[in-house]
Protein backbone atom coordinates (compact mmCIF):
# COMPACT_ATOMS: atom_id res chain seq x y z
CA UNK A 1 -166.66 63.62 136.01
CA UNK A 2 -168.01 65.97 134.11
CA UNK A 3 -166.98 66.16 130.02
CA UNK A 4 -167.77 67.42 126.80
CA UNK A 5 -166.87 65.68 123.61
CA UNK A 6 -167.07 66.94 120.18
CA UNK A 7 -170.26 68.41 121.35
CA UNK A 8 -172.20 71.23 118.79
CA UNK A 9 -175.39 72.14 119.16
CA UNK A 10 -177.03 75.00 116.05
CA UNK A 11 -180.28 77.11 116.90
CA UNK A 12 -181.68 77.91 113.25
CA UNK A 13 -178.68 79.39 110.90
CA UNK A 14 -176.92 79.94 114.56
CA UNK A 15 -173.78 77.52 115.73
CA UNK A 16 -173.80 78.26 119.59
CA UNK A 17 -171.07 75.51 120.34
CA UNK A 18 -168.83 74.34 117.58
CA UNK A 19 -166.93 70.52 118.37
CA UNK A 20 -166.96 71.48 121.95
CA UNK A 21 -165.12 69.58 124.75
CA UNK A 22 -163.70 69.94 128.21
CA UNK A 23 -163.17 68.26 131.09
CA UNK A 24 -164.48 69.12 134.21
CA UNK A 25 -162.53 67.15 137.33
CA UNK A 26 -164.61 65.95 140.36
CA UNK A 27 -164.10 67.43 143.16
CA UNK A 28 -163.24 70.53 141.97
CA UNK A 29 -164.20 74.08 141.40
CA UNK A 30 -164.27 74.85 137.21
CA UNK A 31 -165.12 77.99 136.23
CA UNK A 32 -166.55 79.05 132.61
CA UNK A 33 -166.62 82.38 131.32
CA UNK A 34 -166.54 84.30 127.55
CA UNK A 35 -168.22 87.47 125.90
CA UNK A 36 -171.82 87.77 126.07
CA UNK A 37 -173.59 84.70 123.12
CA UNK A 38 -169.92 82.68 123.68
CA UNK A 39 -171.83 79.61 124.85
CA UNK A 40 -171.76 79.38 128.28
CA UNK A 41 -175.27 79.20 128.84
CA UNK A 42 -176.08 76.37 126.57
CA UNK A 43 -172.80 74.86 127.80
CA UNK A 44 -174.82 74.87 131.16
CA UNK A 45 -178.02 73.70 129.48
CA UNK A 46 -176.51 70.43 128.13
CA UNK A 47 -174.85 69.53 130.96
CA UNK A 48 -178.53 69.24 133.15
CA UNK A 49 -180.25 67.75 130.32
CA UNK A 50 -182.48 70.82 129.02
CA UNK A 51 -180.68 70.56 125.37
CA UNK A 52 -180.05 67.68 123.04
CA UNK A 53 -176.97 68.22 121.39
CA UNK A 54 -177.29 68.49 117.70
CA UNK A 55 -173.73 65.86 117.39
CA UNK A 56 -170.98 64.55 119.89
CA UNK A 57 -171.21 63.18 123.58
CA UNK A 58 -172.20 64.44 127.14
CA UNK A 59 -171.06 62.42 130.31
CA UNK A 60 -171.22 62.60 133.76
CA UNK A 61 -169.03 60.38 135.53
CA UNK A 62 -169.27 57.86 132.63
CA UNK A 63 -173.23 58.34 131.66
CA UNK A 64 -174.69 59.55 128.99
CA UNK A 65 -176.96 62.70 130.54
CA UNK A 66 -180.41 63.22 128.90
CA UNK A 67 -182.83 61.74 129.79
CA UNK A 68 -180.81 59.90 133.10
CA UNK A 69 -183.46 60.62 135.85
CA UNK A 70 -180.31 58.69 138.56
CA UNK A 71 -178.14 61.51 137.49
CA UNK A 72 -180.41 64.32 137.82
CA UNK A 73 -181.00 63.18 141.17
CA UNK A 74 -177.32 63.92 142.08
CA UNK A 75 -177.24 67.58 139.70
CA UNK A 76 -178.78 70.87 140.44
CA UNK A 77 -178.11 73.99 138.88
CA UNK A 78 -178.97 77.38 139.60
CA UNK A 79 -179.70 79.64 136.70
CA UNK A 80 -179.59 83.27 136.90
CA UNK A 81 -182.96 83.84 136.95
CA UNK A 82 -184.80 82.34 139.49
CA UNK A 83 -188.23 81.33 140.09
CA UNK A 84 -189.95 79.57 142.80
CA UNK A 85 -193.15 78.56 142.85
CA UNK A 86 -195.98 81.03 143.75
CA UNK A 87 -197.44 81.54 146.85
CA UNK A 88 -194.42 79.31 148.18
CA UNK A 89 -191.78 80.24 151.26
CA UNK A 90 -188.63 78.80 151.95
CA UNK A 91 -190.81 76.57 154.49
CA UNK A 92 -192.86 74.97 151.64
CA UNK A 93 -189.88 74.68 149.44
CA UNK A 94 -187.88 73.05 151.85
CA UNK A 95 -190.84 70.38 151.88
CA UNK A 96 -190.52 70.04 148.42
CA UNK A 97 -187.40 69.30 148.25
CA UNK A 98 -186.69 67.14 150.93
CA UNK A 99 -189.71 64.77 149.04
CA UNK A 100 -187.03 64.78 145.79
CA UNK A 101 -183.46 64.62 147.15
CA UNK A 102 -182.42 61.69 149.25
CA UNK A 103 -179.69 63.12 150.53
CA UNK A 104 -181.50 65.97 151.87
CA UNK A 105 -180.10 67.73 155.26
CA UNK A 106 -182.78 69.15 157.79
CA UNK A 107 -179.77 70.23 159.44
CA UNK A 108 -177.36 71.94 156.93
CA UNK A 109 -180.77 73.82 155.75
CA UNK A 110 -181.39 74.80 159.23
CA UNK A 111 -177.73 76.23 160.21
CA UNK A 112 -177.59 78.14 156.17
CA UNK A 113 -180.85 79.91 157.31
CA UNK A 114 -179.65 80.82 160.38
CA UNK A 115 -176.07 82.20 158.76
CA UNK A 116 -178.34 83.66 155.94
CA UNK A 117 -180.72 85.34 157.93
CA UNK A 118 -183.67 84.68 155.34
CA UNK A 119 -187.20 84.51 156.79
CA UNK A 120 -188.48 81.29 156.00
CA UNK A 121 -192.09 81.92 156.20
CA UNK A 122 -192.05 84.47 153.71
CA UNK A 123 -193.01 84.30 150.27
CA UNK A 124 -190.20 84.34 147.79
CA UNK A 125 -191.81 86.52 145.42
CA UNK A 126 -191.16 89.26 148.08
CA UNK A 127 -187.50 88.89 148.02
CA UNK A 128 -185.19 90.41 146.21
CA UNK A 129 -183.17 88.78 142.97
CA UNK A 130 -179.52 88.60 146.23
CA UNK A 131 -182.21 86.89 148.39
CA UNK A 132 -183.38 84.49 146.11
CA UNK A 133 -179.92 83.36 144.94
CA UNK A 134 -179.19 82.80 148.52
CA UNK A 135 -182.64 80.36 148.90
CA UNK A 136 -181.54 78.87 145.90
CA UNK A 137 -178.28 78.04 147.57
CA UNK A 138 -179.75 77.69 150.28
CA UNK A 139 -181.93 75.07 149.06
CA UNK A 140 -178.98 73.47 146.62
CA UNK A 141 -176.59 72.74 149.00
CA UNK A 142 -179.01 71.58 152.11
CA UNK A 143 -179.95 68.64 149.11
CA UNK A 144 -175.97 67.61 148.60
CA UNK A 145 -175.97 67.48 145.32
CA UNK A 146 -172.54 65.35 143.69
CA UNK A 147 -172.54 67.94 140.97
CA UNK A 148 -174.29 71.85 141.23
CA UNK A 149 -173.98 74.25 138.04
CA UNK A 150 -174.22 78.26 139.60
CA UNK A 151 -174.78 80.34 136.35
CA UNK A 152 -173.77 83.89 137.42
CA UNK A 153 -174.11 83.19 141.81
CA UNK A 154 -172.44 86.68 142.86
CA UNK A 155 -174.82 88.83 140.82
CA UNK A 156 -176.51 90.64 143.26
CA UNK A 157 -175.07 89.49 146.40
CA UNK A 158 -173.07 91.87 148.83
CA UNK A 159 -169.50 91.11 149.96
CA UNK A 160 -170.46 89.31 153.29
CA UNK A 161 -172.73 87.12 151.10
CA UNK A 162 -170.26 86.20 148.36
CA UNK A 163 -167.78 85.12 151.43
CA UNK A 164 -170.30 82.84 153.07
CA UNK A 165 -170.97 80.99 149.85
CA UNK A 166 -167.60 80.85 148.90
CA UNK A 167 -166.97 79.09 152.16
CA UNK A 168 -170.05 76.30 152.12
CA UNK A 169 -169.12 75.46 148.27
CA UNK A 170 -164.84 75.04 149.32
CA UNK A 171 -166.73 73.06 152.29
CA UNK A 172 -168.94 71.07 150.29
CA UNK A 173 -166.24 70.52 147.74
CA UNK A 174 -163.64 69.40 150.91
CA UNK A 175 -165.67 67.02 152.53
CA UNK A 176 -167.91 65.63 150.28
CA UNK A 177 -166.21 65.78 147.42
CA UNK A 178 -168.62 67.94 145.46
CA UNK A 179 -168.25 69.06 141.64
CA UNK A 180 -169.17 72.55 140.95
CA UNK A 181 -169.08 74.54 137.34
CA UNK A 182 -168.91 78.28 137.88
CA UNK A 183 -170.55 80.65 135.03
CA UNK A 184 -169.44 83.89 135.47
CA UNK A 185 -167.57 87.60 134.34
CA UNK A 186 -166.37 87.94 137.88
CA UNK A 187 -162.47 87.45 137.09
CA UNK A 188 -161.80 88.11 140.69
CA UNK A 189 -163.65 85.66 141.76
CA UNK A 190 -162.91 83.04 139.90
CA UNK A 191 -159.30 83.57 140.79
CA UNK A 192 -160.06 83.08 144.41
CA UNK A 193 -162.17 80.20 143.94
CA UNK A 194 -161.97 78.17 141.55
CA UNK A 195 -159.48 75.24 140.14
CA UNK A 196 -159.59 75.45 136.74
CA UNK A 197 -160.10 77.94 133.78
CA UNK A 198 -161.62 77.45 130.86
CA UNK A 199 -162.82 80.26 127.92
CA UNK A 200 -165.07 79.99 125.60
CA UNK A 201 -165.10 82.03 121.92
CA UNK A 202 -167.65 81.50 119.30
CA UNK A 203 -168.57 77.65 121.03
CA UNK A 204 -164.80 76.98 121.23
CA UNK A 205 -162.95 76.28 123.92
CA UNK A 206 -160.29 79.17 123.75
CA UNK A 207 -158.42 78.21 126.79
CA UNK A 208 -158.64 74.71 129.36
CA UNK A 209 -156.64 74.87 132.14
CA UNK A 210 -155.50 74.52 135.89
CA UNK A 211 -155.02 77.76 137.90
CA UNK A 212 -152.33 76.04 139.78
CA UNK A 213 -150.56 76.00 136.48
CA UNK A 214 -150.92 79.83 135.29
CA UNK A 215 -147.13 81.05 137.19
CA UNK A 216 -148.42 84.23 138.27
CA UNK A 217 -150.78 85.25 134.83
CA UNK A 218 -153.76 86.57 135.86
CA UNK A 219 -157.83 84.93 135.58
CA UNK A 220 -158.22 88.01 133.46
CA UNK A 221 -154.89 88.38 131.97
CA UNK A 222 -155.55 85.05 130.39
CA UNK A 223 -159.30 86.41 128.79
CA UNK A 224 -157.57 89.32 127.61
CA UNK A 225 -155.18 87.66 125.74
CA UNK A 226 -157.28 84.92 124.79
CA UNK A 227 -160.05 87.28 123.49
CA UNK A 228 -159.28 90.70 123.64
CA UNK A 229 -160.76 91.92 127.02
CA UNK A 230 -164.51 92.67 127.39
CA UNK A 231 -164.41 91.70 130.82
CA UNK A 232 -165.98 92.86 133.94
CA UNK A 233 -164.17 93.06 136.50
């Protein structure tokens, strides 16, 4: 379980998070939405341990994430903008990941490489944005993390690749109870894959709940009701 309790963060005079509390249940896929500047990326950076909150507590399985190397071994983040080591290929990155993550699975890597049909020995710097996202996803899933954080994961991906990504995510959640947090603007994608939804507005939680309890309402309609629009669908 990922838990933020009364978390606040201010950058100079801008309050990015304002006494924010949210819970990502274990073995769930949690969708985080909000307008630009709502605080989604700031939330992700706090969960990843990249930022220290001004106040409040962030825990994973009851342990604080900040400076916790054991937890960071079990958590992987795929940001919207992806960068790899200069001159590295996917094979090179796989070798690097296998030394860092104790649960690395070469069979999973080989299977996903065949499925996504990427060139393992090509310089990753020559990959398109969409191909870099696929490469990052293959590496992350092969490391078999307990927690996977995805920032705009479908941006730049075609429908077939989106289906493959969704398949591997849902399989890992079902088989290993992997917990996934997805930040996205795509309402339809959230509705198709997520169990829970959180909507941020001005650093606060405007809505949090199970998608099974929406009783016919759509993610888009909930978003518009809470924030008044601005959604990309």
